[in-house]
Every structure is written in structure tokens, then in C-alpha cells.
Amino acid sequence: MNRNEFFQALPVTKLLLRLTSATLEICTDDIEDIHIMVSGSKTDVDALRIASSADGLTVEQPVSALAKSAKAPDSWLQIAIRLPRSWKGAIDARTVTGWMNIRSVAGTDMSLDTVSGMLMVNDVSFLTLSARAVTGSVKLEQVSAGKCSLFSTSGSLTAHASSVKEGSANTVTGQIVLALTAPFETLSLNSVTGDLRVDAPMSECNALLRSVSGRIHTSGVSILEGAPRLSATTVSSDMDLTCTIE
């Protein structure tokens, strides 16, 4: 079953999504209104709540849908939101098991949260970005953020061709790999057993690793006080810091 909803984009400054088992895709297109496309089993599509307020748009999947999807193998729900390219608002999206794919969007603040799903963010620019997955992974590609916070218990945290001024990445067993296109101001990395790697176009860094047996390995980077700060904590993992200036 399919369902389509259209909303005027001008009053909407925030998208609020509270999902359980649905997959979510948000992107921009050459359109004037916000277009929400829903596909899935009839029960799940009918149960999805979509409502607009003075300045926000809310999409909510009832909590009961999670229990129903576990019992009914034919239960499924996919949500695709198309925004005008000129839209510059905030996105707050949470789900339990579904994955999220956010691409080609710019705005003020973006917060993504999932328990077991995967978070994929591509070609976005936000003042602040927070992405949290309990057991899933977080993958950023061509992301620009003033402040960026990444978290996963067992999944990997990766950012490629991205830039952040202030960032943090925390995981327990997953690895952290940050390939940055611009120098950062401060970074904080924490992993119990996962490897840490930062590639950035900077030849100086005030890097500090607190670890029982891990070591810092640098390539083309001098560790100096007063330089941009990188602090990391591990139990047994090493941290690789590489300068990408040719």
C-alpha cells in the first residue's frame, strides 16, 4: 500500500520523526512543497501518524507497530521525505530497528538516533550534527558540521571526505575512522578495544592518548602544545594520526 502527503515548506522549520521499525530516507529535490511518500503493509501505513503544527512536521509510528512487526513477517514500512533544495531547518529522527539514509540536505541542527539500525549521512551541511546507534554503525560521507557527535556501542564510526570544527566519537568495541578535508579545532575519541584513525590536512596537533597499552602513530604530524587538540582514550588500541597535505 502507498500513501502520499504534501505540506507547504515555508512554515516548516523542524522535522520530528518518532519511528519503531520503519526505514527512513530524507533527501532534497527540485520541488516547492514537502512530499512524504509511505509504502508498506496496509496496517502499518494506516497506523502512521503525520501531522503539521505551526512550525513543525511530525511523523510518528505507534510503539505497538514494533510488536506487530515481530509477529507478522509481512509487516514492513518505508518512509521517504523529499524536501525543497532551499529548505534549511532542523531534523530530529529516532527509530528502533530501522535504518536511516539522509542525503543532500542542509540546515541548522540534525539529531539521528537508532537502537539496532544503521545511520548513513551523505552530502549534508548542518551547524550541529548528532548521530547515535546502540548496536548499529554510523557512516558519514561529505558531511560538514560545526559540532559533530557520534556514538555506537559495538558499531563502527566512520567519516569520509568530511569536515568538523569540534567533534567527538565514542564507541566500546567498534573502530573510529575519520578522514577529514579540513583542519579541526578539537576532537575527542573514545573506544575500549576499537582502533582509532584520523586523517586530516594538518601538520601539527596537540594529540594525547590515554591507554593501558596503546600507542600514538603519526605520519607527517608533529605533536605540539598550542596546536589543535586531539584527545583519545582506549584500553588496548593504538591511534593513527596522518597528515594528508601533499
Protein backbone atom coordinates (compact mmCIF):
# COMPACT_ATOMS: atom_id res chain seq x y z
CA MET A 1 0.00 0.00 0.00
CA ASN A 2 1.18 3.51 -0.81
CA ARG A 3 0.38 6.84 0.81
CA ASN A 4 1.37 10.35 -0.26
CA GLU A 5 1.20 13.56 1.77
CA PHE A 6 2.10 17.13 0.72
CA PHE A 7 2.85 20.10 3.01
CA GLN A 8 3.85 23.69 2.36
CA ALA A 9 7.56 24.01 3.08
CA LEU A 10 7.74 27.66 4.15
CA PRO A 11 6.16 27.31 7.64
CA VAL A 12 8.07 24.11 8.46
CA THR A 13 11.35 24.72 10.29
CA LYS A 14 11.63 21.32 12.01
CA LEU A 15 11.05 17.69 11.11
CA LEU A 16 10.27 15.41 14.07
CA LEU A 17 10.23 11.67 13.42
CA ARG A 18 9.47 9.01 16.02
CA LEU A 19 9.62 5.56 14.41
CA THR A 20 9.94 1.95 15.54
CA SER A 21 10.63 -0.46 12.67
CA ALA A 22 10.33 1.79 9.62
CA THR A 23 13.20 2.61 7.29
CA LEU A 24 13.69 6.30 6.57
CA GLU A 25 15.14 8.28 3.69
CA ILE A 26 15.34 12.08 3.59
CA CYS A 27 16.65 13.97 0.56
CA THR A 28 16.16 17.20 -1.39
CA ASP A 29 14.74 17.65 -4.87
CA ASP A 30 13.60 20.34 -7.30
CA ILE A 31 10.20 20.75 -5.67
CA GLU A 32 8.33 23.50 -3.81
CA ASP A 33 6.41 21.52 -1.18
CA ILE A 34 7.46 18.82 1.26
CA HIS A 35 6.49 15.42 -0.12
CA ILE A 36 6.14 12.39 2.18
CA MET A 37 5.88 9.02 0.46
CA VAL A 38 4.95 5.98 2.54
CA SER A 39 4.99 2.35 1.38
CA GLY A 40 4.31 -0.82 3.32
CA SER A 41 1.72 -3.22 4.59
CA LYS A 42 -1.76 -1.71 4.88
CA THR A 43 -1.88 -1.93 8.68
CA ASP A 44 1.45 -0.14 9.11
CA VAL A 45 0.69 2.56 6.53
CA ASP A 46 -2.72 3.31 8.06
CA ALA A 47 -1.28 3.45 11.58
CA LEU A 48 1.40 6.02 10.71
CA ARG A 49 0.56 9.46 12.09
CA ILE A 50 1.55 12.53 10.06
CA ALA A 51 0.66 15.94 11.44
CA SER A 52 1.74 19.55 10.94
CA SER A 53 1.91 22.28 13.57
CA ALA A 54 2.70 25.97 13.42
CA ASP A 55 6.36 25.43 12.56
CA GLY A 56 6.92 21.67 12.59
CA LEU A 57 6.05 18.45 10.84
CA THR A 58 5.71 15.24 12.89
CA VAL A 59 5.79 11.67 11.60
CA GLU A 60 5.07 9.06 14.26
CA GLN A 61 4.89 5.27 14.12
CA PRO A 62 2.99 3.80 17.10
CA VAL A 63 5.02 1.74 19.56
CA SER A 64 2.61 -1.15 19.03
CA ALA A 65 3.93 -1.46 15.48
CA LEU A 66 7.19 -2.92 16.78
CA ALA A 67 5.41 -5.81 18.49
CA LYS A 68 3.18 -6.38 15.48
CA SER A 69 6.13 -6.48 13.06
CA ALA A 70 7.83 -9.15 15.18
CA LYS A 71 4.73 -11.35 14.97
CA ALA A 72 3.79 -10.62 11.35
CA PRO A 73 6.55 -11.38 8.82
CA ASP A 74 4.72 -9.41 6.11
CA SER A 75 4.75 -6.21 8.20
CA TRP A 76 7.01 -3.51 6.73
CA LEU A 77 7.15 0.26 6.32
CA GLN A 78 9.31 2.60 4.24
CA ILE A 79 9.19 6.38 4.55
CA ALA A 80 10.75 8.77 2.03
CA ILE A 81 10.70 12.53 2.62
CA ARG A 82 11.60 14.89 -0.22
CA LEU A 83 12.43 18.47 0.74
CA PRO A 84 12.90 21.56 -1.45
CA ARG A 85 16.56 22.33 -2.03
CA SER A 86 16.03 25.73 -0.40
CA TRP A 87 14.80 24.18 2.88
CA LYS A 88 17.10 24.91 5.83
CA GLY A 89 15.59 23.59 9.05
CA ALA A 90 16.19 21.10 11.85
CA ILE A 91 15.79 17.32 11.76
CA ASP A 92 15.19 15.15 14.83
CA ALA A 93 14.71 11.48 13.90
CA ARG A 94 14.59 8.42 16.17
CA THR A 95 13.90 4.78 15.40
CA VAL A 96 14.37 1.36 17.00
CA THR A 97 15.27 -1.15 14.29
CA GLY A 98 15.06 0.71 11.00
CA TRP A 99 17.97 2.24 9.13
CA MET A 100 18.17 5.90 8.12
CA ASN A 101 19.63 7.43 4.97
CA ILE A 102 19.93 11.24 4.97
CA ARG A 103 21.43 12.87 1.88
CA SER A 104 21.83 16.24 0.15
CA VAL A 105 20.25 18.24 2.98
CA ALA A 106 21.38 21.42 4.75
CA GLY A 107 20.05 23.01 7.90
CA THR A 108 20.59 24.09 11.49
CA ASP A 109 20.57 21.03 13.76
CA MET A 110 20.30 17.33 12.95
CA SER A 111 19.87 14.57 15.55
CA LEU A 112 19.66 10.90 14.50
CA ASP A 113 19.11 8.03 16.94
CA THR A 114 18.61 4.30 16.39
CA VAL A 115 18.97 1.17 18.51
CA SER A 116 19.92 -1.53 16.01
CA GLY A 117 19.65 0.20 12.66
CA MET A 118 22.37 1.80 10.54
CA LEU A 119 22.77 5.55 10.08
CA MET A 120 24.03 6.79 6.71
CA VAL A 121 24.55 10.51 6.11
CA ASN A 122 25.79 11.81 2.77
CA ASP A 123 26.36 15.30 1.36
CA VAL A 124 24.85 17.28 4.23
CA SER A 125 25.74 20.54 5.97
CA PHE A 126 24.48 21.40 9.47
CA LEU A 127 25.59 23.65 12.31
CA THR A 128 25.32 20.72 14.74
CA LEU A 129 25.04 17.02 13.97
CA SER A 130 24.45 14.16 16.40
CA ALA A 131 24.26 10.52 15.30
CA ARG A 132 23.74 7.71 17.80
CA ALA A 133 23.39 3.96 17.16
CA VAL A 134 23.44 1.48 20.03
CA THR A 135 24.46 -1.63 18.05
CA GLY A 136 24.41 -0.25 14.52
CA SER A 137 27.08 1.67 12.63
CA VAL A 138 27.30 5.34 11.70
CA LYS A 139 28.66 6.28 8.26
CA LEU A 140 29.24 9.88 7.17
CA GLU A 141 30.27 10.93 3.66
CA GLN A 142 30.86 14.53 2.54
CA VAL A 143 29.49 15.98 5.75
CA SER A 144 30.14 19.49 7.04
CA ALA A 145 29.31 20.37 10.65
CA GLY A 146 30.37 22.95 13.18
CA LYS A 147 29.83 20.49 16.03
CA CYS A 148 29.57 16.76 15.44
CA SER A 149 28.89 13.96 17.94
CA LEU A 150 28.97 10.25 17.03
CA PHE A 151 28.18 7.27 19.26
CA SER A 152 27.82 3.50 18.97
CA THR A 153 28.30 0.69 21.43
CA SER A 154 29.50 -2.02 19.06
CA GLY A 155 29.23 -0.50 15.59
CA SER A 156 31.91 1.39 13.68
CA LEU A 157 32.01 5.19 13.37
CA THR A 158 33.35 6.45 10.04
CA ALA A 159 33.51 9.82 8.33
CA HIS A 160 34.99 10.27 4.84
CA ALA A 161 35.60 13.49 2.92
CA SER A 162 34.05 15.41 5.81
CA SER A 163 34.87 18.45 7.94
CA VAL A 164 34.09 19.31 11.56
CA LYS A 165 35.32 22.11 13.80
CA GLU A 166 34.51 20.42 17.10
CA GLY A 167 33.86 16.69 17.17
CA SER A 168 33.52 13.67 19.41
CA ALA A 169 33.23 9.96 18.65
CA ASN A 170 32.57 7.32 21.29
CA THR A 171 32.28 3.55 20.94
CA VAL A 172 33.03 0.47 23.04
CA THR A 173 34.16 -2.22 20.62
CA GLY A 174 33.79 -0.50 17.24
CA GLN A 175 36.51 1.30 15.34
CA ILE A 176 36.67 5.04 14.66
CA VAL A 177 37.94 6.25 11.27
CA LEU A 178 37.79 9.97 10.43
CA ALA A 179 39.07 11.17 7.04
CA LEU A 180 38.74 14.96 7.14
CA THR A 181 39.11 17.52 4.37
CA ALA A 182 39.79 20.50 6.67
CA PRO A 183 41.67 21.03 9.94
CA PHE A 184 39.66 20.54 13.11
CA GLU A 185 39.82 22.65 16.26
CA THR A 186 39.11 19.94 18.86
CA LEU A 187 38.45 16.22 18.66
CA SER A 188 37.63 13.72 21.41
CA LEU A 189 37.76 9.98 20.65
CA ASN A 190 36.95 7.11 22.98
CA SER A 191 36.99 3.37 22.32
CA VAL A 192 37.71 0.45 24.63
CA THR A 193 39.05 -2.02 22.06
CA GLY A 194 38.41 -0.45 18.65
CA ASP A 195 41.16 1.10 16.55
CA LEU A 196 41.36 4.89 16.14
CA ARG A 197 42.42 6.68 12.96
CA VAL A 198 42.35 10.33 11.95
CA ASP A 199 43.49 11.67 8.56
CA ALA A 200 43.45 15.46 8.21
CA PRO A 201 45.27 18.22 6.28
CA MET A 202 47.27 19.45 9.26
CA SER A 203 50.92 19.06 10.13
CA GLU A 204 50.65 20.00 13.82
CA CYS A 205 48.39 18.62 16.52
CA ASN A 206 48.29 18.62 20.31
CA ALA A 207 47.46 14.89 20.48
CA LEU A 208 47.10 12.95 23.71
CA LEU A 209 46.25 9.26 24.07
CA ARG A 210 45.31 7.75 27.41
CA SER A 211 45.68 3.98 27.11
CA VAL A 212 46.94 0.97 29.05
CA SER A 213 48.91 -0.48 26.16
CA GLY A 214 48.02 1.60 23.09
CA ARG A 215 50.39 3.98 21.31
CA ILE A 216 50.17 7.03 19.04
CA HIS A 217 51.50 6.57 15.50
CA THR A 218 51.95 9.74 13.43
CA SER A 219 52.74 10.33 9.78
CA GLY A 220 53.68 13.87 8.79
CA VAL A 221 52.24 15.30 12.01
CA SER A 222 54.22 16.98 14.80
CA ILE A 223 52.76 16.82 18.30
CA LEU A 224 52.95 20.35 19.72
CA GLU A 225 51.26 22.26 22.54
CA GLY A 226 49.04 25.07 21.33
CA ALA A 227 48.07 23.22 18.15
CA PRO A 228 44.53 21.90 17.53
CA ARG A 229 43.73 19.42 20.28
CA LEU A 230 43.03 15.72 19.84
CA SER A 231 42.35 13.72 22.99
CA ALA A 232 41.69 9.98 22.89
CA THR A 233 41.07 7.21 25.41
CA THR A 234 41.41 3.47 24.83
CA VAL A 235 42.35 0.36 26.79
CA SER A 236 44.48 -1.53 24.30
CA SER A 237 44.07 0.16 20.91
CA ASP A 238 46.51 2.36 19.02
CA MET A 239 45.74 5.72 17.42
CA ASP A 240 46.98 6.59 13.92
CA LEU A 241 47.25 10.28 13.04
CA THR A 242 48.14 11.12 9.43
CA CYS A 243 48.69 14.44 7.67
CA THR A 244 47.08 14.45 4.20
CA ILE A 245 48.86 17.57 2.90
CA GLU A 246 50.84 16.57 -0.18
